[in-house]
Amino acid sequence: MQIFADGIRNTVGIAIDANDDMWGVDIGATRLFREDLGGDIQHVAPAIELNRFLESNRGRHYGYPWCFSTDVFGDYPKGTQFAWPLDEGAQTDEWCRNVQNVSDP
C-alpha cells in the first residue's frame, strides 16, 4: 500500500471524470482565529476545496492539518494558503503556500 493523497480534510465526495481523473470535495476549515488576519475568520475565509488527484501528483500533501485554503478573503486571491491557527508556529503561511508532498513535515 502507498499514500495517494495526504492532508485532505473531510472529503465528502469523490468522483472519476471522463478522462479517468479523480476529484474530491473537502469541507472547509472550522475554528479559525488568527489575530493577524482579523480575529475570528471562520465565516469569511475557509474554502470548500475541489481537489483533482492526478497520478502525476501521487503522494502530494494537500495541507491539512497545517494549512487551510481561503475562498474570498480581503485582498487575497481565492485558494491562498494560510497556516492553521490551532498549530500556531508549527508551519508558516509561506510553507503552506509551497507545500507539495508528504515528505515535507
PDB file of N, CA and C in Angstrom:
ATOM      1  N   MET A   1       0.830  -1.174   0.000  1.00  0.00           N
ATOM      2  CA  MET A   1       0.000   0.000   0.000  1.00  0.00           C
ATOM      3  C   MET A   1       0.876   1.240   0.000  1.00  0.00           C
ATOM      4  N   GLN A   2       0.355   2.307  -0.583  1.00  0.00           N
ATOM      5  CA  GLN A   2       1.059   3.578  -0.557  1.00  0.00           C
ATOM      6  C   GLN A   2       0.047   4.715  -0.480  1.00  0.00           C
ATOM      7  N   ILE A   3       0.508   5.843   0.002  1.00  0.00           N
ATOM      8  CA  ILE A   3      -0.355   7.014   0.129  1.00  0.00           C
ATOM      9  C   ILE A   3      -0.512   7.656  -1.239  1.00  0.00           C
ATOM     10  N   PHE A   4      -1.759   7.847  -1.656  1.00  0.00           N
ATOM     11  CA  PHE A   4      -2.024   8.514  -2.929  1.00  0.00           C
ATOM     12  C   PHE A   4      -2.168  10.020  -2.715  1.00  0.00           C
ATOM     13  N   ALA A   5      -2.911  10.423  -1.671  1.00  0.00           N
ATOM     14  CA  ALA A   5      -3.091  11.831  -1.328  1.00  0.00           C
ATOM     15  C   ALA A   5      -3.150  11.943   0.187  1.00  0.00           C
ATOM     16  N   ASP A   6      -2.472  12.947   0.723  1.00  0.00           N
ATOM     17  CA  ASP A   6      -2.421  13.159   2.163  1.00  0.00           C
ATOM     18  C   ASP A   6      -2.789  14.613   2.436  1.00  0.00           C
ATOM     19  N   GLY A   7      -3.219  14.893   3.649  1.00  0.00           N
ATOM     20  CA  GLY A   7      -3.511  16.266   4.014  1.00  0.00           C
ATOM     21  C   GLY A   7      -4.824  16.781   3.469  1.00  0.00           C
ATOM     22  N   ILE A   8      -5.758  15.877   3.206  1.00  0.00           N
ATOM     23  CA  ILE A   8      -7.093  16.301   2.802  1.00  0.00           C
ATOM     24  C   ILE A   8      -7.981  16.236   4.034  1.00  0.00           C
ATOM     25  N   ARG A   9      -9.033  17.077   4.053  1.00  0.00           N
ATOM     26  CA  ARG A   9      -9.858  17.173   5.252  1.00  0.00           C
ATOM     27  C   ARG A   9     -11.315  16.899   4.925  1.00  0.00           C
ATOM     28  N   ASN A  10     -11.849  15.832   5.494  1.00  0.00           N
ATOM     29  CA  ASN A  10     -13.271  15.517   5.373  1.00  0.00           C
ATOM     30  C   ASN A  10     -13.752  15.504   3.926  1.00  0.00           C
ATOM     31  N   THR A  11     -13.120  14.698   3.104  1.00  0.00           N
ATOM     32  CA  THR A  11     -13.567  14.583   1.724  1.00  0.00           C
ATOM     33  C   THR A  11     -14.948  13.938   1.710  1.00  0.00           C
ATOM     34  N   VAL A  12     -15.935  14.681   1.217  1.00  0.00           N
ATOM     35  CA  VAL A  12     -17.322  14.218   1.256  1.00  0.00           C
ATOM     36  C   VAL A  12     -17.818  13.719  -0.099  1.00  0.00           C
ATOM     37  N   GLY A  13     -17.034  13.886  -1.113  1.00  0.00           N
ATOM     38  CA  GLY A  13     -17.435  13.401  -2.428  1.00  0.00           C
ATOM     39  C   GLY A  13     -16.212  13.085  -3.263  1.00  0.00           C
ATOM     40  N   ILE A  14     -16.211  11.934  -3.893  1.00  0.00           N
ATOM     41  CA  ILE A  14     -15.122  11.541  -4.795  1.00  0.00           C
ATOM     42  C   ILE A  14     -15.767  11.058  -6.075  1.00  0.00           C
ATOM     43  N   ALA A  15     -15.186  11.484  -7.199  1.00  0.00           N
ATOM     44  CA  ALA A  15     -15.723  11.069  -8.495  1.00  0.00           C
ATOM     45  C   ALA A  15     -14.576  10.915  -9.492  1.00  0.00           C
ATOM     46  N   ILE A  16     -14.818  10.100 -10.500  1.00  0.00           N
ATOM     47  CA  ILE A  16     -13.883   9.913 -11.608  1.00  0.00           C
ATOM     48  C   ILE A  16     -14.530  10.539 -12.840  1.00  0.00           C
ATOM     49  N   ASP A  17     -13.775  11.411 -13.540  1.00  0.00           N
ATOM     50  CA  ASP A  17     -14.351  12.065 -14.711  1.00  0.00           C
ATOM     51  C   ASP A  17     -14.106  11.245 -15.987  1.00  0.00           C
ATOM     52  N   ALA A  18     -14.518  11.778 -17.110  1.00  0.00           N
ATOM     53  CA  ALA A  18     -14.420  11.073 -18.394  1.00  0.00           C
ATOM     54  C   ALA A  18     -12.974  10.808 -18.816  1.00  0.00           C
ATOM     55  N   ASN A  19     -12.019  11.548 -18.229  1.00  0.00           N
ATOM     56  CA  ASN A  19     -10.592  11.348 -18.521  1.00  0.00           C
ATOM     57  C   ASN A  19      -9.918  10.429 -17.520  1.00  0.00           C
ATOM     58  N   ASP A  20     -10.705   9.779 -16.661  1.00  0.00           N
ATOM     59  CA  ASP A  20     -10.218   8.909 -15.594  1.00  0.00           C
ATOM     60  C   ASP A  20      -9.421   9.656 -14.525  1.00  0.00           C
ATOM     61  N   ASP A  21      -9.648  10.964 -14.386  1.00  0.00           N
ATOM     62  CA  ASP A  21      -9.048  11.739 -13.303  1.00  0.00           C
ATOM     63  C   ASP A  21      -9.982  11.682 -12.101  1.00  0.00           C
ATOM     64  N   MET A  22      -9.398  11.558 -10.913  1.00  0.00           N
ATOM     65  CA  MET A  22     -10.179  11.509  -9.685  1.00  0.00           C
ATOM     66  C   MET A  22     -10.267  12.915  -9.082  1.00  0.00           C
ATOM     67  N   TRP A  23     -11.457  13.271  -8.614  1.00  0.00           N
ATOM     68  CA  TRP A  23     -11.726  14.552  -7.978  1.00  0.00           C
ATOM     69  C   TRP A  23     -12.321  14.311  -6.601  1.00  0.00           C
ATOM     70  N   GLY A  24     -12.048  15.213  -5.654  1.00  0.00           N
ATOM     71  CA  GLY A  24     -12.629  15.113  -4.322  1.00  0.00           C
ATOM     72  C   GLY A  24     -12.995  16.480  -3.782  1.00  0.00           C
ATOM     73  N   VAL A  25     -14.095  16.556  -3.049  1.00  0.00           N
ATOM     74  CA  VAL A  25     -14.551  17.804  -2.438  1.00  0.00           C
ATOM     75  C   VAL A  25     -14.323  17.703  -0.940  1.00  0.00           C
ATOM     76  N   ASP A  26     -13.571  18.665  -0.384  1.00  0.00           N
ATOM     77  CA  ASP A  26     -13.285  18.717   1.047  1.00  0.00           C
ATOM     78  C   ASP A  26     -14.094  19.819   1.705  1.00  0.00           C
ATOM     79  N   ILE A  27     -14.567  19.559   2.913  1.00  0.00           N
ATOM     80  CA  ILE A  27     -15.247  20.570   3.715  1.00  0.00           C
ATOM     81  C   ILE A  27     -14.210  21.582   4.187  1.00  0.00           C
ATOM     82  N   GLY A  28     -14.574  22.857   4.180  1.00  0.00           N
ATOM     83  CA  GLY A  28     -13.665  23.911   4.614  1.00  0.00           C
ATOM     84  C   GLY A  28     -13.334  23.849   6.087  1.00  0.00           C
ATOM     85  N   ALA A  29     -12.352  24.622   6.465  1.00  0.00           N
ATOM     86  CA  ALA A  29     -11.843  24.641   7.831  1.00  0.00           C
ATOM     87  C   ALA A  29     -12.832  25.264   8.806  1.00  0.00           C
ATOM     88  N   THR A  30     -12.716  24.894  10.067  1.00  0.00           N
ATOM     89  CA  THR A  30     -13.520  25.470  11.140  1.00  0.00           C
ATOM     90  C   THR A  30     -12.604  25.926  12.269  1.00  0.00           C
ATOM     91  N   ARG A  31     -13.157  26.649  13.229  1.00  0.00           N
ATOM     92  CA  ARG A  31     -12.420  27.157  14.394  1.00  0.00           C
ATOM     93  C   ARG A  31     -11.177  27.936  13.991  1.00  0.00           C
ATOM     94  N   LEU A  32     -11.357  28.881  13.074  1.00  0.00           N
ATOM     95  CA  LEU A  32     -10.236  29.683  12.607  1.00  0.00           C
ATOM     96  C   LEU A  32     -10.212  31.027  13.317  1.00  0.00           C
ATOM     97  N   PHE A  33      -9.184  31.248  14.096  1.00  0.00           N
ATOM     98  CA  PHE A  33      -8.993  32.530  14.771  1.00  0.00           C
ATOM     99  C   PHE A  33      -7.525  32.885  14.662  1.00  0.00           C
ATOM    100  N   ARG A  34      -7.250  33.924  13.916  1.00  0.00           N
ATOM    101  CA  ARG A  34      -5.883  34.443  13.822  1.00  0.00           C
ATOM    102  C   ARG A  34      -5.952  35.949  13.945  1.00  0.00           C
ATOM    103  N   GLU A  35      -5.384  36.456  15.024  1.00  0.00           N
ATOM    104  CA  GLU A  35      -5.395  37.901  15.295  1.00  0.00           C
ATOM    105  C   GLU A  35      -4.822  38.691  14.122  1.00  0.00           C
ATOM    106  N   ASP A  36      -3.756  38.179  13.515  1.00  0.00           N
ATOM    107  CA  ASP A  36      -3.102  38.907  12.420  1.00  0.00           C
ATOM    108  C   ASP A  36      -3.957  38.969  11.150  1.00  0.00           C
ATOM    109  N   LEU A  37      -5.013  38.161  11.072  1.00  0.00           N
ATOM    110  CA  LEU A  37      -5.899  38.175   9.909  1.00  0.00           C
ATOM    111  C   LEU A  37      -7.280  38.732  10.244  1.00  0.00           C
ATOM    112  N   GLY A  38      -7.418  39.314  11.437  1.00  0.00           N
ATOM    113  CA  GLY A  38      -8.692  39.929  11.788  1.00  0.00           C
ATOM    114  C   GLY A  38      -9.475  39.221  12.867  1.00  0.00           C
ATOM    115  N   GLY A  39      -8.884  38.237  13.543  1.00  0.00           N
ATOM    116  CA  GLY A  39      -9.571  37.537  14.631  1.00  0.00           C
ATOM    117  C   GLY A  39     -10.324  36.313  14.158  1.00  0.00           C
ATOM    118  N   ASP A  40     -11.640  36.304  14.374  1.00  0.00           N
ATOM    119  CA  ASP A  40     -12.480  35.162  14.010  1.00  0.00           C
ATOM    120  C   ASP A  40     -12.744  35.198  12.506  1.00  0.00           C
ATOM    121  N   ILE A  41     -12.100  34.319  11.772  1.00  0.00           N
ATOM    122  CA  ILE A  41     -12.212  34.335  10.303  1.00  0.00           C
ATOM    123  C   ILE A  41     -12.915  33.101   9.755  1.00  0.00           C
ATOM    124  N   GLN A  42     -13.488  32.277  10.614  1.00  0.00           N
ATOM    125  CA  GLN A  42     -14.054  31.015  10.139  1.00  0.00           C
ATOM    126  C   GLN A  42     -15.237  31.181   9.202  1.00  0.00           C
ATOM    127  N   HIS A  43     -15.913  32.331   9.245  1.00  0.00           N
ATOM    128  CA  HIS A  43     -17.076  32.509   8.377  1.00  0.00           C
ATOM    129  C   HIS A  43     -16.758  33.277   7.102  1.00  0.00           C
ATOM    130  N   VAL A  44     -15.546  33.823   7.002  1.00  0.00           N
ATOM    131  CA  VAL A  44     -15.196  34.597   5.812  1.00  0.00           C
ATOM    132  C   VAL A  44     -14.029  34.022   5.033  1.00  0.00           C
ATOM    133  N   ALA A  45     -13.229  33.151   5.633  1.00  0.00           N
ATOM    134  CA  ALA A  45     -12.006  32.722   4.973  1.00  0.00           C
ATOM    135  C   ALA A  45     -11.993  31.300   4.423  1.00  0.00           C
ATOM    136  N   PRO A  46     -12.512  30.291   5.124  1.00  0.00           N
ATOM    137  CA  PRO A  46     -12.255  28.925   4.659  1.00  0.00           C
ATOM    138  C   PRO A  46     -12.977  28.597   3.356  1.00  0.00           C
ATOM    139  N   ALA A  47     -12.282  27.852   2.547  1.00  0.00           N
ATOM    140  CA  ALA A  47     -12.867  27.426   1.275  1.00  0.00           C
ATOM    141  C   ALA A  47     -13.257  25.964   1.350  1.00  0.00           C
ATOM    142  N   ILE A  48     -14.294  25.623   0.614  1.00  0.00           N
ATOM    143  CA  ILE A  48     -14.572  24.223   0.351  1.00  0.00           C
ATOM    144  C   ILE A  48     -13.704  23.891  -0.854  1.00  0.00           C
ATOM    145  N   GLU A  49     -12.828  22.931  -0.698  1.00  0.00           N
ATOM    146  CA  GLU A  49     -11.847  22.652  -1.747  1.00  0.00           C
ATOM    147  C   GLU A  49     -12.337  21.594  -2.714  1.00  0.00           C
ATOM    148  N   LEU A  50     -12.055  21.831  -3.966  1.00  0.00           N
ATOM    149  CA  LEU A  50     -12.238  20.833  -5.005  1.00  0.00           C
ATOM    150  C   LEU A  50     -10.842  20.452  -5.459  1.00  0.00           C
ATOM    151  N   ASN A  51     -10.434  19.234  -5.146  1.00  0.00           N
ATOM    152  CA  ASN A  51      -9.092  18.762  -5.480  1.00  0.00           C
ATOM    153  C   ASN A  51      -9.140  17.777  -6.637  1.00  0.00           C
ATOM    154  N   ARG A  52      -8.200  17.921  -7.532  1.00  0.00           N
ATOM    155  CA  ARG A  52      -8.024  16.982  -8.638  1.00  0.00           C
ATOM    156  C   ARG A  52      -6.812  16.125  -8.301  1.00  0.00           C
ATOM    157  N   PHE A  53      -7.021  14.839  -8.150  1.00  0.00           N
ATOM    158  CA  PHE A  53      -5.964  13.917  -7.736  1.00  0.00           C
ATOM    159  C   PHE A  53      -5.387  13.225  -8.968  1.00  0.00           C
ATOM    160  N   LEU A  54      -4.352  13.815  -9.527  1.00  0.00           N
ATOM    161  CA  LEU A  54      -3.722  13.256 -10.712  1.00  0.00           C
ATOM    162  C   LEU A  54      -2.686  12.206 -10.330  1.00  0.00           C
ATOM    163  N   GLU A  55      -2.525  11.227 -11.176  1.00  0.00           N
ATOM    164  CA  GLU A  55      -1.497  10.202 -10.962  1.00  0.00           C
ATOM    165  C   GLU A  55      -0.116  10.848 -10.816  1.00  0.00           C
ATOM    166  N   SER A  56       0.121  11.906 -11.582  1.00  0.00           N
ATOM    167  CA  SER A  56       1.422  12.585 -11.518  1.00  0.00           C
ATOM    168  C   SER A  56       1.653  13.281 -10.179  1.00  0.00           C
ATOM    169  N   ASN A  57       0.595  13.481  -9.386  1.00  0.00           N
ATOM    170  CA  ASN A  57       0.719  14.084  -8.057  1.00  0.00           C
ATOM    171  C   ASN A  57       0.638  13.060  -6.936  1.00  0.00           C
ATOM    172  N   ARG A  58       0.787  11.791  -7.259  1.00  0.00           N
ATOM    173  CA  ARG A  58       0.723  10.731  -6.241  1.00  0.00           C
ATOM    174  C   ARG A  58       1.634  11.082  -5.068  1.00  0.00           C
ATOM    175  N   GLY A  59       1.086  10.987  -3.853  1.00  0.00           N
ATOM    176  CA  GLY A  59       1.845  11.280  -2.640  1.00  0.00           C
ATOM    177  C   GLY A  59       1.819  12.743  -2.233  1.00  0.00           C
ATOM    178  N   ARG A  60       1.167  13.586  -2.993  1.00  0.00           N
ATOM    179  CA  ARG A  60       1.127  15.009  -2.677  1.00  0.00           C
ATOM    180  C   ARG A  60       0.406  15.260  -1.354  1.00  0.00           C
ATOM    181  N   HIS A  61       0.892  16.256  -0.639  1.00  0.00           N
ATOM    182  CA  HIS A  61       0.255  16.690   0.603  1.00  0.00           C
ATOM    183  C   HIS A  61      -0.587  17.917   0.282  1.00  0.00           C
ATOM    184  N   TYR A  62      -1.862  17.899   0.685  1.00  0.00           N
ATOM    185  CA  TYR A  62      -2.786  18.985   0.372  1.00  0.00           C
ATOM    186  C   TYR A  62      -2.978  19.977   1.517  1.00  0.00           C
ATOM    187  N   GLY A  63      -2.189  19.864   2.586  1.00  0.00           N
ATOM    188  CA  GLY A  63      -2.152  20.913   3.599  1.00  0.00           C
ATOM    189  C   GLY A  63      -2.636  20.597   4.991  1.00  0.00           C
ATOM    190  N   TYR A  64      -3.740  19.872   5.135  1.00  0.00           N
ATOM    191  CA  TYR A  64      -4.305  19.635   6.463  1.00  0.00           C
ATOM    192  C   TYR A  64      -3.409  18.686   7.263  1.00  0.00           C
ATOM    193  N   PRO A  65      -3.157  18.907   8.530  1.00  0.00           N
ATOM    194  CA  PRO A  65      -3.758  19.856   9.454  1.00  0.00           C
ATOM    195  C   PRO A  65      -2.975  21.153   9.609  1.00  0.00           C
ATOM    196  N   TRP A  66      -1.953  21.375   8.802  1.00  0.00           N
ATOM    197  CA  TRP A  66      -1.114  22.558   8.984  1.00  0.00           C
ATOM    198  C   TRP A  66      -1.605  23.779   8.222  1.00  0.00           C
ATOM    199  N   CYS A  67      -2.387  23.573   7.164  1.00  0.00           N
ATOM    200  CA  CYS A  67      -2.762  24.684   6.292  1.00  0.00           C
ATOM    201  C   CYS A  67      -4.237  24.634   5.923  1.00  0.00           C
ATOM    202  N   PHE A  68      -4.782  25.797   5.563  1.00  0.00           N
ATOM    203  CA  PHE A  68      -6.136  25.860   5.043  1.00  0.00           C
ATOM    204  C   PHE A  68      -6.154  26.816   3.852  1.00  0.00           C
ATOM    205  N   SER A  69      -7.120  26.610   2.971  1.00  0.00           N
ATOM    206  CA  SER A  69      -7.282  27.465   1.795  1.00  0.00           C
ATOM    207  C   SER A  69      -8.369  28.490   2.058  1.00  0.00           C
ATOM    208  N   THR A  70      -8.227  29.658   1.426  1.00  0.00           N
ATOM    209  CA  THR A  70      -9.255  30.684   1.556  1.00  0.00           C
ATOM    210  C   THR A  70     -10.179  30.677   0.348  1.00  0.00           C
ATOM    211  N   ASP A  71     -11.358  31.187   0.576  1.00  0.00           N
ATOM    212  CA  ASP A  71     -12.295  31.438  -0.514  1.00  0.00           C
ATOM    213  C   ASP A  71     -12.124  32.910  -0.865  1.00  0.00           C
ATOM    214  N   VAL A  72     -13.094  33.728  -0.616  1.00  0.00           N
ATOM    215  CA  VAL A  72     -12.961  35.164  -0.849  1.00  0.00           C
ATOM    216  C   VAL A  72     -12.566  35.784   0.486  1.00  0.00           C
ATOM    217  N   PHE A  73     -11.392  36.400   0.539  1.00  0.00           N
ATOM    218  CA  PHE A  73     -10.882  36.889   1.814  1.00  0.00           C
ATOM    219  C   PHE A  73      -9.983  38.096   1.588  1.00  0.00           C
ATOM    220  N   GLY A  74     -10.487  39.287   1.908  1.00  0.00           N
ATOM    221  CA  GLY A  74      -9.690  40.506   1.782  1.00  0.00           C
ATOM    222  C   GLY A  74      -9.125  40.662   0.381  1.00  0.00           C
ATOM    223  N   ASP A  75      -7.860  40.995   0.327  1.00  0.00           N
ATOM    224  CA  ASP A  75      -7.171  41.176  -0.956  1.00  0.00           C
ATOM    225  C   ASP A  75      -6.495  39.894  -1.439  1.00  0.00           C
ATOM    226  N   TYR A  76      -6.682  38.798  -0.719  1.00  0.00           N
ATOM    227  CA  TYR A  76      -6.035  37.543  -1.087  1.00  0.00           C
ATOM    228  C   TYR A  76      -6.816  36.833  -2.180  1.00  0.00           C
ATOM    229  N   PRO A  77      -6.130  36.297  -3.187  1.00  0.00           N
ATOM    230  CA  PRO A  77      -6.850  35.552  -4.228  1.00  0.00           C
ATOM    231  C   PRO A  77      -7.443  34.255  -3.682  1.00  0.00           C
ATOM    232  N   LYS A  78      -8.531  33.824  -4.285  1.00  0.00           N
ATOM    233  CA  LYS A  78      -9.170  32.564  -3.915  1.00  0.00           C
ATOM    234  C   LYS A  78      -8.126  31.449  -3.967  1.00  0.00           C
ATOM    235  N   GLY A  79      -8.113  30.610  -2.949  1.00  0.00           N
ATOM    236  CA  GLY A  79      -7.178  29.497  -2.905  1.00  0.00           C
ATOM    237  C   GLY A  79      -5.875  29.786  -2.175  1.00  0.00           C
ATOM    238  N   THR A  80      -5.701  31.016  -1.674  1.00  0.00           N
ATOM    239  CA  THR A  80      -4.487  31.346  -0.926  1.00  0.00           C
ATOM    240  C   THR A  80      -4.398  30.442   0.300  1.00  0.00           C
ATOM    241  N   GLN A  81      -3.217  29.940   0.568  1.00  0.00           N
ATOM    242  CA  GLN A  81      -2.990  29.055   1.707  1.00  0.00           C
ATOM    243  C   GLN A  81      -2.466  29.838   2.910  1.00  0.00           C
ATOM    244  N   PHE A  82      -2.963  29.473   4.094  1.00  0.00           N
ATOM    245  CA  PHE A  82      -2.514  30.055   5.356  1.00  0.00           C
ATOM    246  C   PHE A  82      -2.235  28.937   6.347  1.00  0.00           C
ATOM    247  N   ALA A  83      -1.376  29.229   7.328  1.00  0.00           N
ATOM    248  CA  ALA A  83      -1.079  28.257   8.381  1.00  0.00           C
ATOM    249  C   ALA A  83      -2.280  28.128   9.315  1.00  0.00           C
ATOM    250  N   TRP A  84      -2.576  26.905   9.705  1.00  0.00           N
ATOM    251  CA  TRP A  84      -3.692  26.592  10.593  1.00  0.00           C
ATOM    252  C   TRP A  84      -3.419  27.185  11.973  1.00  0.00           C
ATOM    253  N   PRO A  85      -4.345  27.935  12.550  1.00  0.00           N
ATOM    254  CA  PRO A  85      -4.075  28.602  13.828  1.00  0.00           C
ATOM    255  C   PRO A  85      -3.981  27.664  15.014  1.00  0.00           C
ATOM    256  N   LEU A  86      -4.555  26.464  14.948  1.00  0.00           N
ATOM    257  CA  LEU A  86      -4.503  25.557  16.091  1.00  0.00           C
ATOM    258  C   LEU A  86      -3.108  25.010  16.333  1.00  0.00           C
ATOM    259  N   ASP A  87      -2.285  25.026  15.308  1.00  0.00           N
ATOM    260  CA  ASP A  87      -0.904  24.564  15.431  1.00  0.00           C
ATOM    261  C   ASP A  87       0.031  25.748  15.238  1.00  0.00           C
ATOM    262  N   GLU A  88      -0.297  26.840  15.891  1.00  0.00           N
ATOM    263  CA  GLU A  88       0.461  28.067  15.720  1.00  0.00           C
ATOM    264  C   GLU A  88       1.947  27.815  15.905  1.00  0.00           C
ATOM    265  N   GLY A  89       2.714  28.253  14.953  1.00  0.00           N
ATOM    266  CA  GLY A  89       4.152  28.069  14.994  1.00  0.00           C
ATOM    267  C   GLY A  89       4.618  26.777  14.358  1.00  0.00           C
ATOM    268  N   ALA A  90       3.713  25.813  14.148  1.00  0.00           N
ATOM    269  CA  ALA A  90       4.113  24.545  13.550  1.00  0.00           C
ATOM    270  C   ALA A  90       4.530  24.731  12.093  1.00  0.00           C
ATOM    271  N   GLN A  91       3.790  25.577  11.376  1.00  0.00           N
ATOM    272  CA  GLN A  91       4.117  25.894   9.997  1.00  0.00           C
ATOM    273  C   GLN A  91       3.851  27.376   9.782  1.00  0.00           C
ATOM    274  N   THR A  92       4.372  27.901   8.687  1.00  0.00           N
ATOM    275  CA  THR A  92       4.170  29.310   8.360  1.00  0.00           C
ATOM    276  C   THR A  92       3.279  29.425   7.126  1.00  0.00           C
ATOM    277  N   ASP A  93       2.743  30.609   6.897  1.00  0.00           N
ATOM    278  CA  ASP A  93       1.964  30.846   5.688  1.00  0.00           C
ATOM    279  C   ASP A  93       2.806  30.546   4.448  1.00  0.00           C
ATOM    280  N   GLU A  94       4.060  30.955   4.479  1.00  0.00           N
ATOM    281  CA  GLU A  94       4.953  30.707   3.336  1.00  0.00           C
ATOM    282  C   GLU A  94       5.108  29.210   3.072  1.00  0.00           C
ATOM    283  N   TRP A  95       5.307  28.422   4.133  1.00  0.00           N
ATOM    284  CA  TRP A  95       5.436  26.972   3.963  1.00  0.00           C
ATOM    285  C   TRP A  95       4.164  26.411   3.345  1.00  0.00           C
ATOM    286  N   CYS A  96       3.010  26.862   3.843  1.00  0.00           N
ATOM    287  CA  CYS A  96       1.739  26.358   3.335  1.00  0.00           C
ATOM    288  C   CYS A  96       1.550  26.683   1.856  1.00  0.00           C
ATOM    289  N   ARG A  97       2.046  27.808   1.423  1.00  0.00           N
ATOM    290  CA  ARG A  97       1.899  28.184   0.011  1.00  0.00           C
ATOM    291  C   ARG A  97       2.836  27.415  -0.892  1.00  0.00           C
ATOM    292  N   ASN A  98       3.799  26.725  -0.298  1.00  0.00           N
ATOM    293  CA  ASN A  98       4.756  25.954  -1.093  1.00  0.00           C
ATOM    294  C   ASN A  98       4.705  24.455  -0.857  1.00  0.00           C
ATOM    295  N   VAL A  99       3.809  23.976   0.018  1.00  0.00           N
ATOM    296  CA  VAL A  99       3.747  22.559   0.358  1.00  0.00           C
ATOM    297  C   VAL A  99       3.429  21.746  -0.895  1.00  0.00           C
ATOM    298  N   GLN A 100       4.166  20.677  -1.107  1.00  0.00           N
ATOM    299  CA  GLN A 100       3.974  19.874  -2.304  1.00  0.00           C
ATOM    300  C   GLN A 100       3.796  18.389  -2.058  1.00  0.00           C
ATOM    301  N   ASN A 101       4.431  17.842  -1.025  1.00  0.00           N
ATOM    302  CA  ASN A 101       4.305  16.395  -0.870  1.00  0.00           C
ATOM    303  C   ASN A 101       4.404  15.954   0.577  1.00  0.00           C
ATOM    304  N   VAL A 102       4.080  14.694   0.810  1.00  0.00           N
ATOM    305  CA  VAL A 102       4.002  14.172   2.168  1.00  0.00           C
ATOM    306  C   VAL A 102       5.344  14.095   2.871  1.00  0.00           C
ATOM    307  N   SER A 103       6.434  14.213   2.158  1.00  0.00           N
ATOM    308  CA  SER A 103       7.726  14.151   2.816  1.00  0.00           C
ATOM    309  C   SER A 103       8.090  15.488   3.461  1.00  0.00           C
ATOM    310  N   ASP A 104       7.275  16.526   3.245  1.00  0.00           N
ATOM    311  CA  ASP A 104       7.513  17.828   3.869  1.00  0.00           C
ATOM    312  C   ASP A 104       6.726  17.915   5.168  1.00  0.00           C
ATOM    313  N   PRO A 105       7.329  17.613   6.314  1.00  0.00           N
ATOM    314  CA  PRO A 105       6.581  17.643   7.574  1.00  0.00           C
ATOM    315  C   PRO A 105       6.253  19.067   8.010  1.00  0.00           C
TER     316      PRO A 105
END
